C-alpha atoms as a PDB file:
ATOM      1  CA  MET A   1     119.120 283.659 -13.617  1.00  0.00           C
ATOM      2  CA  TRP A   2     117.856 283.069 -10.099  1.00  0.00           C
ATOM      3  CA  TRP A   3     121.052 281.223  -9.173  1.00  0.00           C
ATOM      4  CA  LEU A   4     123.137 284.405  -9.603  1.00  0.00           C
ATOM      5  CA  ARG A   5     121.369 285.946  -6.606  1.00  0.00           C
ATOM      6  CA  SER A   6     122.290 282.978  -4.416  1.00  0.00           C
ATOM      7  CA  VAL A   7     126.040 283.103  -5.207  1.00  0.00           C
ATOM      8  CA  PRO A   8     127.227 286.737  -4.925  1.00  0.00           C
ATOM      9  CA  SER A   9     130.883 286.073  -5.794  1.00  0.00           C
ATOM     10  CA  LEU A  10     129.865 284.327  -9.034  1.00  0.00           C
ATOM     11  CA  ARG A  11     127.561 287.232  -9.859  1.00  0.00           C
ATOM     12  CA  ARG A  12     130.408 289.729  -9.364  1.00  0.00           C
ATOM     13  CA  THR A  13     132.679 287.680 -11.613  1.00  0.00           C
ATOM     14  CA  ILE A  14     130.137 287.468 -14.426  1.00  0.00           C
ATOM     15  CA  VAL A  15     129.269 291.167 -14.122  1.00  0.00           C
ATOM     16  CA  GLY A  16     132.998 292.037 -14.093  1.00  0.00           C
ATOM     17  CA  VAL A  17     133.594 290.058 -17.287  1.00  0.00           C
ATOM     18  CA  ARG A  18     130.685 291.801 -18.996  1.00  0.00           C
ATOM     19  CA  LYS A  19     131.794 295.202 -17.764  1.00  0.00           C
ATOM     20  CA  TYR A  20     135.524 295.013 -18.461  1.00  0.00           C
ATOM     21  CA  GLY A  21     135.612 292.624 -21.418  1.00  0.00           C
ATOM     22  CA  ALA A  22     137.028 289.132 -21.782  1.00  0.00           C
ATOM     23  CA  LEU A  23     139.384 287.451 -19.343  1.00  0.00           C
ATOM     24  CA  HIS A  24     143.117 287.814 -19.903  1.00  0.00           C
ATOM     25  CA  ASP A  25     145.186 285.228 -21.698  1.00  0.00           C
ATOM     26  CA  PRO A  26     147.182 283.039 -19.232  1.00  0.00           C
ATOM     27  CA  LEU A  27     150.285 283.602 -21.369  1.00  0.00           C
ATOM     28  CA  ASP A  28     150.234 287.278 -20.335  1.00  0.00           C
ATOM     29  CA  HIS A  29     150.591 286.377 -16.655  1.00  0.00           C
ATOM     30  CA  VAL A  30     153.305 283.706 -16.595  1.00  0.00           C
ATOM     31  CA  THR A  31     157.038 284.428 -16.583  1.00  0.00           C
ATOM     32  CA  GLY A  32     160.337 282.568 -16.607  1.00  0.00           C
ATOM     33  CA  ILE A  33     160.600 278.858 -17.321  1.00  0.00           C
ATOM     34  CA  GLN A  34     156.819 278.390 -17.192  1.00  0.00           C
ATOM     35  CA  LYS A  35     156.356 280.930 -20.005  1.00  0.00           C
ATOM     36  CA  ARG A  36     159.039 279.250 -22.109  1.00  0.00           C
ATOM     37  CA  GLU A  37     157.319 275.908 -21.542  1.00  0.00           C
ATOM     38  CA  LEU A  38     153.937 277.312 -22.638  1.00  0.00           C
ATOM     39  CA  LEU A  39     155.497 278.904 -25.737  1.00  0.00           C
ATOM     40  CA  ALA A  40     157.132 275.572 -26.625  1.00  0.00           C
ATOM     41  CA  HIS A  41     153.776 273.789 -26.294  1.00  0.00           C
ATOM     42  CA  LEU A  42     152.131 276.399 -28.524  1.00  0.00           C
ATOM     43  CA  ALA A  43     154.906 275.913 -31.092  1.00  0.00           C
ATOM     44  CA  GLY A  44     154.115 272.179 -31.215  1.00  0.00           C
ATOM     45  CA  GLU A  45     156.912 270.820 -29.003  1.00  0.00           C
ATOM     46  CA  CYS A  46     155.140 268.200 -26.860  1.00  0.00           C
ATOM     47  CA  ASP A  47     158.260 267.351 -24.816  1.00  0.00           C
ATOM     48  CA  PRO A  48     160.170 270.622 -24.265  1.00  0.00           C
ATOM     49  CA  PHE A  49     162.321 269.230 -21.423  1.00  0.00           C
ATOM     50  CA  ARG A  50     163.102 266.008 -23.327  1.00  0.00           C
ATOM     51  CA  ILE A  51     162.173 263.667 -20.509  1.00  0.00           C
ATOM     52  CA  MET A  52     159.846 261.271 -22.333  1.00  0.00           C
ATOM     53  CA  ALA A  53     161.026 257.809 -23.336  1.00  0.00           C
ATOM     54  CA  ILE A  54     163.024 257.509 -26.553  1.00  0.00           C
ATOM     55  CA  LYS A  55     162.614 254.444 -28.732  1.00  0.00           C
ATOM     56  CA  ARG A  56     165.861 252.616 -29.352  1.00  0.00           C
ATOM     57  CA  GLY A  57     167.177 252.406 -32.888  1.00  0.00           C
ATOM     58  CA  PRO A  58     169.947 250.176 -34.239  1.00  0.00           C
ATOM     59  CA  GLY A  59     172.296 251.088 -31.377  1.00  0.00           C
ATOM     60  CA  THR A  60     175.513 249.884 -32.961  1.00  0.00           C
ATOM     61  CA  CYS A  61     178.951 251.376 -32.378  1.00  0.00           C
ATOM     62  CA  GLU A  62     178.819 253.070 -35.800  1.00  0.00           C
ATOM     63  CA  ARG A  63     175.211 254.303 -35.373  1.00  0.00           C
ATOM     64  CA  PRO A  64     174.508 254.826 -31.650  1.00  0.00           C
ATOM     65  CA  ASN A  65     171.143 255.899 -30.310  1.00  0.00           C
ATOM     66  CA  LEU A  66     171.186 259.689 -30.006  1.00  0.00           C
ATOM     67  CA  ILE A  67     170.054 261.129 -26.673  1.00  0.00           C
ATOM     68  CA  PRO A  68     169.249 264.890 -26.757  1.00  0.00           C
ATOM     69  CA  SER A  69     170.860 267.069 -24.105  1.00  0.00           C
ATOM     70  CA  ALA A  70     171.518 270.774 -23.629  1.00  0.00           C
ATOM     71  CA  PHE A  71     174.355 269.994 -21.219  1.00  0.00           C
ATOM     72  CA  ALA A  72     177.757 268.305 -21.414  1.00  0.00           C
ATOM     73  CA  SER A  73     176.538 265.213 -19.545  1.00  0.00           C
ATOM     74  CA  ARG A  74     173.232 263.509 -18.792  1.00  0.00           C
ATOM     75  CA  LEU A  75     172.001 260.625 -16.667  1.00  0.00           C
ATOM     76  CA  MET A  76     170.155 258.096 -18.799  1.00  0.00           C
ATOM     77  CA  GLY A  77     168.171 255.000 -17.904  1.00  0.00           C
ATOM     78  CA  CYS A  78     167.898 252.026 -20.269  1.00  0.00           C
ATOM     79  CA  ILE A  79     165.211 249.392 -19.829  1.00  0.00           C
ATOM     80  CA  CYS A  80     167.264 246.535 -21.204  1.00  0.00           C
ATOM     81  CA  HIS A  81     164.517 243.902 -21.221  1.00  0.00           C
ATOM     82  CA  PRO A  82     160.817 244.775 -21.554  1.00  0.00           C
ATOM     83  CA  ASP A  83     159.785 242.281 -18.857  1.00  0.00           C
ATOM     84  CA  HIS A  84     162.108 243.743 -16.191  1.00  0.00           C
ATOM     85  CA  ASN A  85     160.842 246.227 -13.620  1.00  0.00           C
ATOM     86  CA  HIS A  86     164.026 248.262 -13.309  1.00  0.00           C
ATOM     87  CA  ALA A  87     166.245 250.434 -15.476  1.00  0.00           C
ATOM     88  CA  GLU A  88     170.013 250.409 -15.864  1.00  0.00           C
ATOM     89  CA  TYR A  89     171.314 253.944 -15.308  1.00  0.00           C
ATOM     90  CA  MET A  90     174.501 255.397 -16.757  1.00  0.00           C
ATOM     91  CA  TRP A  91     176.081 258.796 -17.305  1.00  0.00           C
ATOM     92  CA  LEU A  92     176.560 259.941 -20.890  1.00  0.00           C
ATOM     93  CA  HIS A  93     179.177 262.579 -21.710  1.00  0.00           C
ATOM     94  CA  GLN A  94     179.398 264.789 -24.800  1.00  0.00           C
ATOM     95  CA  GLY A  95     181.380 263.172 -27.653  1.00  0.00           C
ATOM     96  CA  VAL A  96     181.889 259.821 -25.886  1.00  0.00           C
ATOM     97  CA  PRO A  97     179.591 256.973 -27.009  1.00  0.00           C
ATOM     98  CA  LYS A  98     178.802 254.475 -24.266  1.00  0.00           C
ATOM     99  CA  ARG A  99     177.581 250.887 -24.350  1.00  0.00           C
ATOM    100  CA  CYS A 100     174.854 249.638 -22.025  1.00  0.00           C
ATOM    101  CA  GLY A 101     174.900 246.165 -20.471  1.00  0.00           C
ATOM    102  CA  CYS A 102     172.292 244.998 -22.994  1.00  0.00           C
ATOM    103  CA  GLY A 103     174.599 245.822 -25.917  1.00  0.00           C
ATOM    104  CA  TYR A 104     173.011 249.030 -27.214  1.00  0.00           C
ATOM    105  CA  TRP A 105     175.231 252.075 -27.765  1.00  0.00           C
ATOM    106  CA  PHE A 106     174.184 255.615 -26.781  1.00  0.00           C
ATOM    107  CA  GLU A 107     175.638 259.063 -27.458  1.00  0.00           C
ATOM    108  CA  LEU A 108     174.638 262.584 -26.495  1.00  0.00           C
ATOM    109  CA  CYS A 109     173.227 264.794 -29.214  1.00  0.00           C
ATOM    110  CA  PRO A 110     173.542 268.556 -28.494  1.00  0.00           C
ATOM    111  CA  VAL A 111     170.301 270.557 -28.639  1.00  0.00           C
ATOM    112  CA  ALA A 112     169.496 274.156 -27.804  1.00  0.00           C
ATOM    113  CA  PRO A 113     168.328 274.765 -24.222  1.00  0.00           C
ATOM    114  CA  LEU A 114     164.720 275.712 -23.568  1.00  0.00           C
END
């Protein structure tokens, strides 16, 4: 272990781990929204803030695509055609289904906040 003599800070760290035990779990140090995010990831929720793309379903007036939201309204972007480079944005409000320019219907689905 000749390299420990050349790097004193590394040597102190390794000796400190041996002397005081293992390093602490990062979950013990975080607080607030970051802790809730880590707990959601540990519980298996890969998208706790629900910001990843949602695949469109039938999107009819009777069966609209459900968009999860913990609030009464949400801004949503629809990529109407796969070969376009822009999204059509619209506001969705709780209990009011809305039709996009491409013909798909969307409605907010209430979920519990993080």
